[in-house]
Amino acid sequence: MNLTVKDLERLQTKLQEEHLDYQLELVDGNVIVMGPSDYVSEEIGARLITFLASYVIPRKLGRVTGSSAGFILPNESSDLRAPDVSFVSAERLKHSPSAFVKMVPDLMVEIKSKTDRIKPIEEKIKLFLKLGTEVGILIDPEKETVTLYRPTGQPTVLTNQDILTIPELFPGWELPVSDLWPPEFE
């Protein structure tokens, strides 16, 4: 049975009425239940959102969102996907709708949780790039690497000694990769 975004919205409403809060995605008409992130992955996402938003908001460059922002993709099955972190430029999304947006973000980030497998994450990133996303990022907390994907060229792997830059979206923004990892308090 192929479900639609409307079917997914009804299912989410029903689950919320039962006080069940699942994050769902729709892929090729099938519902994918997304488990909660592990603590480290979620903290990395929150840190990245903070670093990006502190650059994006004062410059009015666009919108930075977390893992609950759903995108209806412009593919044949109108998949509904939610990257862990997203950015959409102000020029492409002038107002925030109170519904899922029908577009791909300019930047999408996936953060590997402890139970995630790399291949499905890479496939998700490549789908977004194929559909128009400018930059995809895979953050692997276990390896402490940040891999940048662009529609053309090979992926670029950054480590703790490197600086993350995305000049095509955030000119002048720099983030030491080591700043992504949660600090240890004495």
Protein backbone atom coordinates (compact mmCIF):
# COMPACT_ATOMS: atom_id res chain seq x y z
CA MET A 1 0.00 0.00 0.00
CA ASN A 2 1.45 3.36 -1.05
CA LEU A 3 0.77 6.09 1.45
CA THR A 4 0.74 9.83 0.79
CA VAL A 5 1.84 12.81 2.86
CA LYS A 6 -1.82 13.31 3.88
CA ASP A 7 -1.93 9.70 5.13
CA LEU A 8 1.25 10.31 7.12
CA GLU A 9 -0.19 13.50 8.64
CA ARG A 10 -3.32 11.59 9.73
CA LEU A 11 -1.16 8.85 11.24
CA GLN A 12 0.94 11.39 13.15
CA THR A 13 -2.21 13.08 14.48
CA LYS A 14 -3.58 9.74 15.64
CA LEU A 15 -0.28 8.84 17.34
CA GLN A 16 -0.18 12.22 19.08
CA GLU A 17 -3.72 11.68 20.36
CA GLU A 18 -2.41 8.47 21.93
CA HIS A 19 0.49 10.48 23.43
CA LEU A 20 3.00 8.70 21.19
CA ASP A 21 5.62 10.97 19.72
CA TYR A 22 7.37 9.25 16.82
CA GLN A 23 9.27 10.96 14.05
CA LEU A 24 8.10 9.53 10.74
CA GLU A 25 9.37 9.83 7.19
CA LEU A 26 7.66 8.74 3.98
CA VAL A 27 9.87 6.95 1.46
CA ASP A 28 8.41 5.48 -1.75
CA GLY A 29 4.96 5.35 -0.12
CA ASN A 30 6.22 3.51 2.96
CA VAL A 31 6.36 4.92 6.48
CA ILE A 32 9.78 4.86 8.10
CA VAL A 33 9.76 5.18 11.90
CA MET A 34 12.77 7.13 13.07
CA GLY A 35 13.99 6.16 16.51
CA PRO A 36 15.25 8.79 18.89
CA SER A 37 18.84 9.91 18.45
CA ASP A 38 21.46 8.98 20.97
CA TYR A 39 22.49 11.82 23.27
CA VAL A 40 25.81 12.61 21.56
CA SER A 41 24.26 12.80 18.08
CA GLU A 42 21.49 15.08 19.29
CA GLU A 43 23.94 17.34 21.12
CA ILE A 44 26.09 17.63 17.98
CA GLY A 45 22.99 18.61 16.01
CA ALA A 46 22.08 21.24 18.60
CA ARG A 47 25.63 22.60 18.57
CA LEU A 48 25.68 22.83 14.75
CA ILE A 49 22.28 24.56 14.70
CA THR A 50 23.59 27.07 17.25
CA PHE A 51 26.79 27.76 15.30
CA LEU A 52 24.92 28.12 12.00
CA ALA A 53 22.05 30.18 13.40
CA SER A 54 24.43 32.63 15.08
CA TYR A 55 25.84 33.36 11.61
CA VAL A 56 22.64 33.09 9.53
CA ILE A 57 20.13 35.04 11.67
CA PRO A 58 21.94 38.40 11.99
CA ARG A 59 22.67 38.36 8.26
CA LYS A 60 19.09 37.33 7.38
CA LEU A 61 20.45 34.60 5.10
CA GLY A 62 17.62 32.14 5.66
CA ARG A 63 16.28 29.49 8.02
CA VAL A 64 18.08 26.84 10.06
CA THR A 65 15.98 23.95 11.34
CA GLY A 66 16.40 20.70 13.23
CA SER A 67 15.31 17.13 12.70
CA SER A 68 11.57 17.75 12.97
CA ALA A 69 11.33 20.00 9.89
CA GLY A 70 9.83 17.92 7.08
CA PHE A 71 10.53 18.43 3.38
CA ILE A 72 8.23 17.05 0.69
CA LEU A 73 10.70 16.13 -2.01
CA PRO A 74 10.17 16.87 -5.70
CA ASN A 75 10.56 13.23 -6.71
CA GLU A 76 8.06 10.80 -8.25
CA SER A 77 6.84 9.46 -4.91
CA SER A 78 6.76 12.87 -3.13
CA ASP A 79 8.81 11.49 -0.26
CA LEU A 80 8.67 13.31 3.06
CA ARG A 81 12.13 13.43 4.64
CA ALA A 82 13.60 15.25 7.62
CA PRO A 83 17.37 15.86 7.77
CA ASP A 84 18.93 16.28 11.21
CA VAL A 85 19.89 19.89 10.38
CA SER A 86 18.74 21.97 7.40
CA PHE A 87 19.24 25.40 5.93
CA VAL A 88 17.00 27.09 3.35
CA SER A 89 18.00 30.47 1.96
CA ALA A 90 15.78 33.48 2.56
CA GLU A 91 15.47 33.99 -1.16
CA ARG A 92 13.92 30.51 -1.57
CA LEU A 93 11.68 30.52 1.54
CA LYS A 94 10.43 34.01 2.35
CA HIS A 95 7.91 32.88 5.02
CA SER A 96 7.87 29.83 7.28
CA PRO A 97 4.77 27.76 6.57
CA SER A 98 2.98 25.86 9.32
CA ALA A 99 3.13 22.75 7.15
CA PHE A 100 5.78 20.67 5.43
CA VAL A 101 7.62 22.57 2.71
CA LYS A 102 7.67 21.31 -0.87
CA MET A 103 11.34 21.71 -1.67
CA VAL A 104 14.80 20.50 -0.79
CA PRO A 105 16.97 22.53 1.58
CA ASP A 106 20.11 24.23 0.34
CA LEU A 107 22.06 22.40 3.07
CA MET A 108 21.13 19.11 4.68
CA VAL A 109 23.05 17.42 7.46
CA GLU A 110 22.79 13.87 8.75
CA ILE A 111 24.40 12.89 12.05
CA LYS A 112 25.16 9.20 12.48
CA SER A 113 23.63 7.77 15.64
CA LYS A 114 25.19 4.78 17.30
CA THR A 115 22.70 2.37 15.66
CA ASP A 116 22.69 3.97 12.18
CA ARG A 117 24.34 2.39 9.18
CA ILE A 118 26.39 4.64 6.89
CA LYS A 119 25.04 3.39 3.53
CA PRO A 120 21.39 4.49 4.07
CA ILE A 121 22.60 7.86 5.33
CA GLU A 122 24.78 8.35 2.25
CA GLU A 123 21.86 7.32 0.00
CA LYS A 124 19.63 9.91 1.67
CA ILE A 125 22.27 12.63 1.18
CA LYS A 126 22.77 11.65 -2.47
CA LEU A 127 19.00 11.76 -3.09
CA PHE A 128 18.83 15.31 -1.72
CA LEU A 129 21.81 16.35 -3.86
CA LYS A 130 20.22 14.81 -6.96
CA LEU A 131 17.04 16.79 -6.25
CA GLY A 132 18.82 20.14 -5.86
CA THR A 133 20.45 20.43 -2.44
CA GLU A 134 23.77 22.29 -2.80
CA VAL A 135 25.66 20.70 0.09
CA GLY A 136 25.10 17.54 2.10
CA ILE A 137 27.04 16.72 5.25
CA LEU A 138 27.49 13.45 7.11
CA ILE A 139 28.78 13.80 10.65
CA ASP A 140 30.17 10.62 12.21
CA PRO A 141 30.71 11.13 15.97
CA GLU A 142 32.40 7.74 16.42
CA LYS A 143 35.12 8.54 13.87
CA GLU A 144 35.01 12.28 14.60
CA THR A 145 34.73 13.06 10.89
CA VAL A 146 32.65 15.47 8.83
CA THR A 147 32.13 14.45 5.19
CA LEU A 148 30.96 17.09 2.72
CA TYR A 149 29.05 16.05 -0.40
CA ARG A 150 28.33 18.27 -3.36
CA PRO A 151 26.48 17.43 -6.59
CA THR A 152 29.80 17.30 -8.45
CA GLY A 153 33.08 15.90 -7.26
CA GLN A 154 34.16 13.43 -4.65
CA PRO A 155 33.19 13.72 -0.99
CA THR A 156 35.62 15.66 1.20
CA VAL A 157 36.41 14.22 4.64
CA LEU A 158 37.35 16.63 7.41
CA THR A 159 38.89 15.71 10.77
CA ASN A 160 39.55 17.55 14.02
CA GLN A 161 42.47 19.48 12.55
CA ASP A 162 40.26 20.94 9.78
CA ILE A 163 37.96 23.94 9.50
CA LEU A 164 34.43 23.43 8.13
CA THR A 165 33.50 26.08 5.57
CA ILE A 166 30.59 26.24 3.15
CA PRO A 167 31.42 29.34 1.09
CA GLU A 168 28.64 28.86 -1.46
CA LEU A 169 26.03 29.26 1.31
CA PHE A 170 27.81 31.01 4.18
CA PRO A 171 30.64 33.23 2.87
CA GLY A 172 33.15 33.87 5.64
CA TRP A 173 31.68 31.33 8.09
CA GLU A 174 34.22 28.99 9.62
CA LEU A 175 33.83 26.27 12.22
CA PRO A 176 36.67 24.16 13.59
CA VAL A 177 35.49 20.54 13.27
CA SER A 178 36.66 19.92 16.85
CA ASP A 179 34.02 22.43 18.07
CA LEU A 180 31.23 20.08 16.98
CA TRP A 181 32.00 17.44 19.57
CA PRO A 182 30.40 17.74 23.00
CA PRO A 183 32.77 19.17 25.60
CA GLU A 184 33.92 17.20 28.62
CA PHE A 185 33.43 18.96 31.94
CA GLU A 186 35.82 18.39 34.81
